[in-house]
Amino acid sequence: MTLEHTILLLEDDTDLIDGLTYSLSREGYIVDVAQTVKTAYACLETREYSLLLLDVTLPDGNGVDVCRFVRERGSRTPIIFLTAMDEEVHVIRGLDSGADDYITKPFKLGELCSRIRAQLRRSGSGDVSAANRFTSGALSIDLFGGGAFLNNQPLELTSVEYRLLCLLVRNAGQTVLRNTILDALWDGNGNFVDDNTLSVYIRRLREKIEEDPSNPVHLLTVRGFGYKWRRENE
């Protein structure tokens, strides 16, 4: 990690701003602060950022709108939501708008830094391996291009959803333990992740790839252990 990494922090809590700015600067990041949605838009027009930290509720709008703005411009900049609302509906809104991850206030600095490092390391690189494409029935994953397709139609996936899908398809027919998934997706620090986080991602992924998400035939739950991608001939 170098000083090249610049973070936009959209937050209106001055105490949190002071703490995060000081702590992230000590970690070597350059931090730009926006306390309103209007200021965040202005920052995005004038500078390229390595990562965005977005609060949900702001005086003149919300971070979800900023996230949508960034994604509609075609940017894949990693986005992490900072939210004081742990209700599932707010988590889903953030993920649907294109966010890569979320963290619920109050949080530990170590947890946030771990999430940031994971997103920065993976942004723009995808899950590259010797094989550039996986296929499973109507699903195909382009590892080189970092995209997934269902019936030849592109799937709109966040980076976490994409990595989760790759992990499961690569291990098709095998149960991938919950802790293994958490460690793989969150920088080896699965203990930091809220209990319902993985369940939310699994459900959102099912809604995008399963014909009937309530009765999945591909992305299966192995109760008490983890999840499994069902092979076509199983």
C-alpha atoms as a PDB file:
ATOM      1  CA  MET A   1       0.000   0.000   0.000  1.00  0.00           C
ATOM      2  CA  THR A   2       1.333   3.426  -0.916  1.00  0.00           C
ATOM      3  CA  LEU A   3       0.313   7.059  -0.730  1.00  0.00           C
ATOM      4  CA  GLU A   4      -1.121   6.597  -4.217  1.00  0.00           C
ATOM      5  CA  HIS A   5      -4.293   5.239  -2.618  1.00  0.00           C
ATOM      6  CA  THR A   6      -6.789   8.065  -2.208  1.00  0.00           C
ATOM      7  CA  ILE A   7     -10.073   7.592  -0.345  1.00  0.00           C
ATOM      8  CA  LEU A   8     -13.198   9.728  -0.500  1.00  0.00           C
ATOM      9  CA  LEU A   9     -14.967   9.757   2.874  1.00  0.00           C
ATOM     10  CA  LEU A  10     -18.598  10.909   2.713  1.00  0.00           C
ATOM     11  CA  GLU A  11     -19.651  11.442   6.324  1.00  0.00           C
ATOM     12  CA  ASP A  12     -21.306  14.260   8.327  1.00  0.00           C
ATOM     13  CA  ASP A  13     -20.357  13.164  11.857  1.00  0.00           C
ATOM     14  CA  THR A  14     -17.446  15.470  12.690  1.00  0.00           C
ATOM     15  CA  ASP A  15     -16.122  13.267  15.494  1.00  0.00           C
ATOM     16  CA  LEU A  16     -16.063  10.233  13.210  1.00  0.00           C
ATOM     17  CA  ILE A  17     -14.492  12.298  10.440  1.00  0.00           C
ATOM     18  CA  ASP A  18     -11.666  13.423  12.722  1.00  0.00           C
ATOM     19  CA  GLY A  19     -11.034   9.891  13.964  1.00  0.00           C
ATOM     20  CA  LEU A  20     -11.105   8.243  10.557  1.00  0.00           C
ATOM     21  CA  THR A  21      -9.056  10.944   8.851  1.00  0.00           C
ATOM     22  CA  TYR A  22      -6.347  10.690  11.496  1.00  0.00           C
ATOM     23  CA  SER A  23      -6.311   6.887  11.571  1.00  0.00           C
ATOM     24  CA  LEU A  24      -6.445   6.329   7.809  1.00  0.00           C
ATOM     25  CA  SER A  25      -3.733   8.942   7.245  1.00  0.00           C
ATOM     26  CA  ARG A  26      -1.502   7.056   9.683  1.00  0.00           C
ATOM     27  CA  GLU A  27      -2.158   3.935   7.576  1.00  0.00           C
ATOM     28  CA  GLY A  28      -0.754   5.811   4.574  1.00  0.00           C
ATOM     29  CA  TYR A  29      -3.969   6.762   2.771  1.00  0.00           C
ATOM     30  CA  ILE A  30      -4.819  10.181   1.400  1.00  0.00           C
ATOM     31  CA  VAL A  31      -8.308  11.072   2.611  1.00  0.00           C
ATOM     32  CA  ASP A  32     -10.653  13.607   1.029  1.00  0.00           C
ATOM     33  CA  VAL A  33     -13.709  14.463   3.139  1.00  0.00           C
ATOM     34  CA  ALA A  34     -17.176  15.390   1.905  1.00  0.00           C
ATOM     35  CA  GLN A  35     -19.872  16.192   4.463  1.00  0.00           C
ATOM     36  CA  THR A  36     -22.688  16.519   1.923  1.00  0.00           C
ATOM     37  CA  VAL A  37     -23.771  14.672  -1.201  1.00  0.00           C
ATOM     38  CA  LYS A  38     -23.249  17.863  -3.224  1.00  0.00           C
ATOM     39  CA  THR A  39     -19.629  18.077  -2.095  1.00  0.00           C
ATOM     40  CA  ALA A  40     -19.106  14.379  -2.868  1.00  0.00           C
ATOM     41  CA  TYR A  41     -20.291  14.896  -6.445  1.00  0.00           C
ATOM     42  CA  ALA A  42     -17.895  17.820  -6.813  1.00  0.00           C
ATOM     43  CA  CYS A  43     -14.999  15.698  -5.526  1.00  0.00           C
ATOM     44  CA  LEU A  44     -15.850  12.863  -7.938  1.00  0.00           C
ATOM     45  CA  GLU A  45     -15.817  15.280 -10.862  1.00  0.00           C
ATOM     46  CA  THR A  46     -12.320  16.501 -10.093  1.00  0.00           C
ATOM     47  CA  ARG A  47     -10.433  13.438  -8.840  1.00  0.00           C
ATOM     48  CA  GLU A  48     -10.104   9.696  -9.327  1.00  0.00           C
ATOM     49  CA  TYR A  49     -10.362   7.710  -6.104  1.00  0.00           C
ATOM     50  CA  SER A  50      -9.035   4.308  -5.129  1.00  0.00           C
ATOM     51  CA  LEU A  51     -11.983   3.645  -2.828  1.00  0.00           C
ATOM     52  CA  LEU A  52     -15.136   5.334  -1.514  1.00  0.00           C
ATOM     53  CA  LEU A  53     -16.396   5.222   2.086  1.00  0.00           C
ATOM     54  CA  LEU A  54     -20.022   6.382   2.022  1.00  0.00           C
ATOM     55  CA  ASP A  55     -22.354   7.114   4.890  1.00  0.00           C
ATOM     56  CA  VAL A  56     -25.988   6.290   4.181  1.00  0.00           C
ATOM     57  CA  THR A  57     -27.807   9.315   5.607  1.00  0.00           C
ATOM     58  CA  LEU A  58     -26.545  12.817   4.822  1.00  0.00           C
ATOM     59  CA  PRO A  59     -28.116  16.285   5.291  1.00  0.00           C
ATOM     60  CA  ASP A  60     -28.898  16.657   1.575  1.00  0.00           C
ATOM     61  CA  GLY A  61     -29.390  13.057   0.468  1.00  0.00           C
ATOM     62  CA  ASN A  62     -27.836   9.649   0.980  1.00  0.00           C
ATOM     63  CA  GLY A  63     -24.828   7.622   0.017  1.00  0.00           C
ATOM     64  CA  VAL A  64     -26.917   5.201  -2.030  1.00  0.00           C
ATOM     65  CA  ASP A  65     -27.507   7.937  -4.600  1.00  0.00           C
ATOM     66  CA  VAL A  66     -23.768   8.627  -4.783  1.00  0.00           C
ATOM     67  CA  CYS A  67     -23.087   4.918  -5.268  1.00  0.00           C
ATOM     68  CA  ARG A  68     -25.592   4.742  -8.127  1.00  0.00           C
ATOM     69  CA  PHE A  69     -24.035   7.858  -9.671  1.00  0.00           C
ATOM     70  CA  VAL A  70     -20.597   6.231  -9.658  1.00  0.00           C
ATOM     71  CA  ARG A  71     -21.827   2.926 -11.084  1.00  0.00           C
ATOM     72  CA  GLU A  72     -23.904   4.598 -13.808  1.00  0.00           C
ATOM     73  CA  ARG A  73     -20.715   6.214 -15.044  1.00  0.00           C
ATOM     74  CA  GLY A  74     -19.207   2.759 -15.489  1.00  0.00           C
ATOM     75  CA  SER A  75     -16.729   3.037 -12.603  1.00  0.00           C
ATOM     76  CA  ARG A  76     -15.776  -0.114 -10.670  1.00  0.00           C
ATOM     77  CA  THR A  77     -14.133   1.826  -7.857  1.00  0.00           C
ATOM     78  CA  PRO A  78     -14.583  -0.192  -4.632  1.00  0.00           C
ATOM     79  CA  ILE A  79     -17.368   1.211  -2.449  1.00  0.00           C
ATOM     80  CA  ILE A  80     -17.907   0.461   1.245  1.00  0.00           C
ATOM     81  CA  PHE A  81     -20.962   1.779   3.076  1.00  0.00           C
ATOM     82  CA  LEU A  82     -20.714   3.064   6.633  1.00  0.00           C
ATOM     83  CA  THR A  83     -24.124   2.625   8.210  1.00  0.00           C
ATOM     84  CA  ALA A  84     -25.564   3.012  11.682  1.00  0.00           C
ATOM     85  CA  MET A  85     -28.636   1.106  10.552  1.00  0.00           C
ATOM     86  CA  ASP A  86     -28.205  -2.628  10.789  1.00  0.00           C
ATOM     87  CA  GLU A  87     -31.665  -3.487   9.451  1.00  0.00           C
ATOM     88  CA  GLU A  88     -31.403  -5.838   6.511  1.00  0.00           C
ATOM     89  CA  VAL A  89     -33.396  -3.563   4.195  1.00  0.00           C
ATOM     90  CA  HIS A  90     -30.688  -0.890   4.328  1.00  0.00           C
ATOM     91  CA  VAL A  91     -27.968  -3.447   3.668  1.00  0.00           C
ATOM     92  CA  ILE A  92     -29.852  -4.691   0.618  1.00  0.00           C
ATOM     93  CA  ARG A  93     -30.370  -1.152  -0.697  1.00  0.00           C
ATOM     94  CA  GLY A  94     -26.647  -0.555  -0.537  1.00  0.00           C
ATOM     95  CA  LEU A  95     -25.763  -3.802  -2.277  1.00  0.00           C
ATOM     96  CA  ASP A  96     -28.396  -3.258  -4.954  1.00  0.00           C
ATOM     97  CA  SER A  97     -26.963   0.157  -5.722  1.00  0.00           C
ATOM     98  CA  GLY A  98     -23.594  -1.424  -6.536  1.00  0.00           C
ATOM     99  CA  ALA A  99     -21.703  -1.331  -3.241  1.00  0.00           C
ATOM    100  CA  ASP A 100     -18.979  -3.909  -2.647  1.00  0.00           C
ATOM    101  CA  ASP A 101     -19.238  -4.135   1.119  1.00  0.00           C
ATOM    102  CA  TYR A 102     -20.737  -2.499   4.213  1.00  0.00           C
ATOM    103  CA  ILE A 103     -19.774  -2.061   7.818  1.00  0.00           C
ATOM    104  CA  THR A 104     -22.105  -1.212  10.692  1.00  0.00           C
ATOM    105  CA  LYS A 105     -21.309   1.560  13.172  1.00  0.00           C
ATOM    106  CA  PRO A 106     -19.768   1.422  15.666  1.00  0.00           C
ATOM    107  CA  PHE A 107     -16.922  -0.549  14.146  1.00  0.00           C
ATOM    108  CA  LYS A 108     -13.319  -1.303  15.013  1.00  0.00           C
ATOM    109  CA  LEU A 109     -10.632   0.475  13.021  1.00  0.00           C
ATOM    110  CA  GLY A 110      -8.863  -2.833  12.392  1.00  0.00           C
ATOM    111  CA  GLU A 111     -12.011  -4.218  10.827  1.00  0.00           C
ATOM    112  CA  LEU A 112     -12.416  -1.228   8.523  1.00  0.00           C
ATOM    113  CA  CYS A 113      -8.760  -1.255   7.462  1.00  0.00           C
ATOM    114  CA  SER A 114      -9.002  -4.968   6.711  1.00  0.00           C
ATOM    115  CA  ARG A 115     -12.025  -4.373   4.482  1.00  0.00           C
ATOM    116  CA  ILE A 116     -10.269  -1.491   2.728  1.00  0.00           C
ATOM    117  CA  ARG A 117      -7.108  -3.519   2.061  1.00  0.00           C
ATOM    118  CA  ALA A 118      -9.140  -6.401   0.683  1.00  0.00           C
ATOM    119  CA  GLN A 119     -11.071  -4.173  -1.712  1.00  0.00           C
ATOM    120  CA  LEU A 120      -7.982  -2.293  -2.899  1.00  0.00           C
ATOM    121  CA  ARG A 121      -6.036  -5.487  -3.499  1.00  0.00           C
ATOM    122  CA  ARG A 122      -8.814  -7.040  -5.521  1.00  0.00           C
ATOM    123  CA  SER A 123     -10.091  -4.025  -7.429  1.00  0.00           C
ATOM    124  CA  GLY A 124      -9.371  -4.315 -11.114  1.00  0.00           C
ATOM    125  CA  SER A 125      -7.763  -7.735 -10.792  1.00  0.00           C
ATOM    126  CA  GLY A 126     -10.722 -10.108 -10.509  1.00  0.00           C
ATOM    127  CA  ASP A 127     -10.054 -13.750  -9.784  1.00  0.00           C
ATOM    128  CA  VAL A 128      -7.482 -14.524 -12.447  1.00  0.00           C
ATOM    129  CA  SER A 129      -6.250 -18.092 -12.815  1.00  0.00           C
ATOM    130  CA  ALA A 130      -4.678 -20.284 -15.469  1.00  0.00           C
ATOM    131  CA  ALA A 131      -8.105 -20.911 -16.949  1.00  0.00           C
ATOM    132  CA  ASN A 132      -9.834 -17.794 -18.229  1.00  0.00           C
ATOM    133  CA  ARG A 133     -13.391 -19.108 -18.248  1.00  0.00           C
ATOM    134  CA  PHE A 134     -15.608 -21.334 -16.142  1.00  0.00           C
ATOM    135  CA  THR A 135     -18.908 -22.694 -17.385  1.00  0.00           C
ATOM    136  CA  SER A 136     -21.725 -24.440 -15.550  1.00  0.00           C
ATOM    137  CA  GLY A 137     -24.805 -25.000 -17.662  1.00  0.00           C
ATOM    138  CA  ALA A 138     -26.178 -21.617 -18.726  1.00  0.00           C
ATOM    139  CA  LEU A 139     -23.684 -19.799 -16.481  1.00  0.00           C
ATOM    140  CA  SER A 140     -20.256 -18.719 -17.669  1.00  0.00           C
ATOM    141  CA  ILE A 141     -17.597 -16.716 -15.861  1.00  0.00           C
ATOM    142  CA  ASP A 142     -14.960 -14.747 -17.737  1.00  0.00           C
ATOM    143  CA  LEU A 143     -12.054 -14.680 -15.304  1.00  0.00           C
ATOM    144  CA  PHE A 144      -9.865 -12.573 -17.561  1.00  0.00           C
ATOM    145  CA  GLY A 145     -12.500  -9.921 -18.157  1.00  0.00           C
ATOM    146  CA  GLY A 146     -13.983 -10.145 -14.672  1.00  0.00           C
ATOM    147  CA  GLY A 147     -17.585 -10.742 -15.741  1.00  0.00           C
ATOM    148  CA  ALA A 148     -20.289 -13.391 -15.449  1.00  0.00           C
ATOM    149  CA  PHE A 149     -23.050 -14.293 -17.906  1.00  0.00           C
ATOM    150  CA  LEU A 150     -26.305 -16.213 -17.632  1.00  0.00           C
ATOM    151  CA  ASN A 151     -27.842 -17.406 -20.915  1.00  0.00           C
ATOM    152  CA  ASN A 152     -25.284 -15.156 -22.626  1.00  0.00           C
ATOM    153  CA  GLN A 153     -26.642 -12.109 -20.804  1.00  0.00           C
ATOM    154  CA  PRO A 154     -24.280 -10.185 -18.493  1.00  0.00           C
ATOM    155  CA  LEU A 155     -25.001 -10.411 -14.783  1.00  0.00           C
ATOM    156  CA  GLU A 156     -24.868  -7.211 -12.748  1.00  0.00           C
ATOM    157  CA  LEU A 157     -22.726  -8.346  -9.819  1.00  0.00           C
ATOM    158  CA  THR A 158     -20.867  -6.447  -7.147  1.00  0.00           C
ATOM    159  CA  SER A 159     -17.222  -7.430  -6.718  1.00  0.00           C
ATOM    160  CA  VAL A 160     -18.055  -9.466  -3.594  1.00  0.00           C
ATOM    161  CA  GLU A 161     -20.886 -11.287  -5.398  1.00  0.00           C
ATOM    162  CA  TYR A 162     -18.556 -11.999  -8.311  1.00  0.00           C
ATOM    163  CA  ARG A 163     -15.811 -13.402  -6.081  1.00  0.00           C
ATOM    164  CA  LEU A 164     -18.347 -15.461  -4.134  1.00  0.00           C
ATOM    165  CA  LEU A 165     -19.711 -16.940  -7.360  1.00  0.00           C
ATOM    166  CA  CYS A 166     -16.195 -17.733  -8.614  1.00  0.00           C
ATOM    167  CA  LEU A 167     -15.276 -19.431  -5.348  1.00  0.00           C
ATOM    168  CA  LEU A 168     -18.363 -21.645  -5.381  1.00  0.00           C
ATOM    169  CA  VAL A 169     -18.200 -22.565  -9.075  1.00  0.00           C
ATOM    170  CA  ARG A 170     -14.492 -23.364  -8.843  1.00  0.00           C
ATOM    171  CA  ASN A 171     -15.377 -25.827  -6.095  1.00  0.00           C
ATOM    172  CA  ALA A 172     -18.501 -27.160  -7.813  1.00  0.00           C
ATOM    173  CA  GLY A 173     -19.837 -30.314  -6.200  1.00  0.00           C
ATOM    174  CA  GLN A 174     -17.979 -29.643  -2.947  1.00  0.00           C
ATOM    175  CA  THR A 175     -19.237 -27.993   0.218  1.00  0.00           C
ATOM    176  CA  VAL A 176     -17.362 -24.747   0.856  1.00  0.00           C
ATOM    177  CA  LEU A 177     -17.321 -24.092   4.582  1.00  0.00           C
ATOM    178  CA  ARG A 178     -18.766 -20.821   5.828  1.00  0.00           C
ATOM    179  CA  ASN A 179     -15.493 -19.803   7.497  1.00  0.00           C
ATOM    180  CA  THR A 180     -13.578 -20.585   4.315  1.00  0.00           C
ATOM    181  CA  ILE A 181     -15.848 -18.253   2.360  1.00  0.00           C
ATOM    182  CA  LEU A 182     -15.561 -15.471   4.928  1.00  0.00           C
ATOM    183  CA  ASP A 183     -11.776 -15.736   5.021  1.00  0.00           C
ATOM    184  CA  ALA A 184     -11.541 -15.753   1.207  1.00  0.00           C
ATOM    185  CA  LEU A 185     -13.820 -12.765   0.700  1.00  0.00           C
ATOM    186  CA  TRP A 186     -12.809 -10.604   3.631  1.00  0.00           C
ATOM    187  CA  ASP A 187      -9.034 -10.706   3.719  1.00  0.00           C
ATOM    188  CA  GLY A 188      -8.711 -13.639   6.093  1.00  0.00           C
ATOM    189  CA  ASN A 189     -10.591 -11.828   8.828  1.00  0.00           C
ATOM    190  CA  GLY A 190     -13.985 -13.506   8.748  1.00  0.00           C
ATOM    191  CA  ASN A 191     -14.403 -12.896  12.465  1.00  0.00           C
ATOM    192  CA  PHE A 192     -15.009  -9.224  11.670  1.00  0.00           C
ATOM    193  CA  VAL A 193     -18.031  -9.916   9.482  1.00  0.00           C
ATOM    194  CA  ASP A 194     -21.569  -9.576  10.840  1.00  0.00           C
ATOM    195  CA  ASP A 195     -23.393 -12.880  11.195  1.00  0.00           C
ATOM    196  CA  ASN A 196     -25.934 -12.075   8.511  1.00  0.00           C
ATOM    197  CA  THR A 197     -23.557 -10.598   5.953  1.00  0.00           C
ATOM    198  CA  LEU A 198     -22.815 -13.801   4.058  1.00  0.00           C
ATOM    199  CA  SER A 199     -26.479 -14.809   4.132  1.00  0.00           C
ATOM    200  CA  VAL A 200     -27.398 -11.486   2.532  1.00  0.00           C
ATOM    201  CA  TYR A 201     -24.857 -11.971  -0.265  1.00  0.00           C
ATOM    202  CA  ILE A 202     -26.018 -15.533  -0.869  1.00  0.00           C
ATOM    203  CA  ARG A 203     -29.632 -14.439  -1.185  1.00  0.00           C
ATOM    204  CA  ARG A 204     -28.789 -11.538  -3.496  1.00  0.00           C
ATOM    205  CA  LEU A 205     -26.725 -13.863  -5.678  1.00  0.00           C
ATOM    206  CA  ARG A 206     -29.551 -16.396  -5.834  1.00  0.00           C
ATOM    207  CA  GLU A 207     -31.947 -13.672  -6.949  1.00  0.00           C
ATOM    208  CA  LYS A 208     -29.657 -12.989  -9.888  1.00  0.00           C
ATOM    209  CA  ILE A 209     -28.880 -16.540 -11.012  1.00  0.00           C
ATOM    210  CA  GLU A 210     -31.707 -18.799  -9.842  1.00  0.00           C
ATOM    211  CA  GLU A 211     -35.032 -19.108 -11.654  1.00  0.00           C
ATOM    212  CA  ASP A 212     -36.719 -19.547  -8.266  1.00  0.00           C
ATOM    213  CA  PRO A 213     -34.478 -18.056  -5.567  1.00  0.00           C
ATOM    214  CA  SER A 214     -36.632 -19.558  -2.806  1.00  0.00           C
ATOM    215  CA  ASN A 215     -35.990 -23.042  -4.198  1.00  0.00           C
ATOM    216  CA  PRO A 216     -32.450 -22.900  -5.571  1.00  0.00           C
ATOM    217  CA  VAL A 217     -31.150 -25.694  -7.773  1.00  0.00           C
ATOM    218  CA  HIS A 218     -27.588 -24.438  -8.217  1.00  0.00           C
ATOM    219  CA  LEU A 219     -26.484 -22.474  -5.145  1.00  0.00           C
ATOM    220  CA  LEU A 220     -27.353 -24.836  -2.321  1.00  0.00           C
ATOM    221  CA  THR A 221     -27.174 -24.433   1.449  1.00  0.00           C
ATOM    222  CA  VAL A 222     -25.495 -27.272   3.318  1.00  0.00           C
ATOM    223  CA  ARG A 223     -26.994 -26.648   6.722  1.00  0.00           C
ATOM    224  CA  GLY A 224     -24.539 -26.410   9.548  1.00  0.00           C
ATOM    225  CA  PHE A 225     -21.541 -26.271   7.192  1.00  0.00           C
ATOM    226  CA  GLY A 226     -21.695 -23.820   4.310  1.00  0.00           C
ATOM    227  CA  TYR A 227     -22.708 -23.692   0.658  1.00  0.00           C
ATOM    228  CA  LYS A 228     -22.254 -25.754  -2.480  1.00  0.00           C
ATOM    229  CA  TRP A 229     -22.549 -25.135  -6.206  1.00  0.00           C
ATOM    230  CA  ARG A 230     -24.474 -28.048  -7.723  1.00  0.00           C
ATOM    231  CA  ARG A 231     -22.989 -29.536 -10.872  1.00  0.00           C
ATOM    232  CA  GLU A 232     -25.334 -29.884 -13.841  1.00  0.00           C
ATOM    233  CA  ASN A 233     -25.214 -33.696 -13.744  1.00  0.00           C
ATOM    234  CA  GLU A 234     -25.773 -34.047  -9.981  1.00  0.00           C
END
